[in-house]
């Protein structure tokens, strides 16, 4: 097939909803990563949270999206993509506006009525409600509004749009933060997604195909969750107790929960989970390390390298590297088995932070993020390939939905973890660069555990014969 014929296929192979949904995804990602890039500095320097509180709250913002995404697909299918996308962009517009208005006088009565950390934590969860609807709508539209001969290209276009938005977000924030003020990063983000509400309303039409499977109910998704978890009668109550304890610590900061209670809850959870969830738990270590670029690095740069650094512009490094080098790196690593590529990518991302130990400079941070992105490129596509091989026949969709869990758990744990490291090494021992040894250590330990897991369960490295 000639290039002109292929170009004609692409031009005629996608219906209008495909382009509307994917263009809106650029602005959704731009708003999200712009907000994320400025969040740690906003919380610490503008709202005067401690390093530990800043880490925890930043982790909540980045983590809750991936938990709710499990159920977002079922909700979107029930509502229809057009209605779900419209609602999602309205939620996001309100959520980002509220984040930018946390210190506003009109919110003072509510702000003063509850502990500030709890108040801010609840507001930071709100964007997740919208994003959890956007993602399945855009991916679902890509499947429904593209012809079979160009569908794989459609997913490549979707992935490209996500990365363009991911790179443009910190770049936008790097301009808006010094020129408009950090609060207005969130208000402008609200305007972007509010504009997408009207784009969807006026230009998006529901993509439907003959023979579409009926949408799963929320109850079905919940049952699938229980099946995947393992012994859910043990695991779910323990997780609920842990959540209630965490909320109690927010409401009463002086409350002391002994370490052995947390350890006991962890042991109970690990005893009840399935082999698949064991893998997800192990892989959480990768995301604890990865998310430090948004959780710890901004505060570290401003506090211990230079307070005048344009942190948001530095954070563009990851997105730009992914855009420019994904095809080349994937070509070079195509012969590496899927799980071994996951292990290699985890190791590369982990050791990237050691650069900051020896070069605690702006260029050291940029180089660290460049190497981190290389690890991301190596492991991320192969991670989903491995999940597809691991899933029992007929359960690939369910397993793929749960593949997002390590991203969310890694952000939640990584928030607390990064804040604790910043406090200990920066404010107590006054050796801030040593925190990156610990971060890298977590990643290398994760690599070792994944290698052990691979040796124990190597039989899943190839699809079963039929």
Foldseek 3Di string as FASTA:
>chain_A
DDPVVVVVQVVPFFDQQLVLLLLLLLLLLLLLLLLLQCQLCCCCVVVNDALLLSLQLSLLLQFLLLVLLLLLLLVCLVVFLLVLLLVLLLQLLVLLLCLLCLVPPVCVVVCVVAQNSVVSSVSSNRNSSSSSNSVSSNLVSLVQRGDPVCSVVSVVSSVLSSLSSNLNNLVVSLVCCVPPNNSVSSNVSSVSSNVSSVSSVPRHDGRDDPPDDRRDHSVVSVVLVCVQFAQCVQQVVLVVVVVVVVVVCRRPVVDDDDPVSVVVSVVSSVVGGDLLVVLLVLCLLLLLLVCCLSQAVVCCCCPPAHVPDSSSNLSSLLSVLCNPCLVVLCVVCVPPQLLVLQLVLLLQLLCLLVLCLVVVYSVSSSSSSNSNSSSCSSHVVSLLVLQCLVDDPPCSVSSSSCSSNSNSVSSNVSSSLSSVLCCCCCVPVNNNSCSSVVSSVSSVVSSVVSVVSCVVPVVSSDHDDD
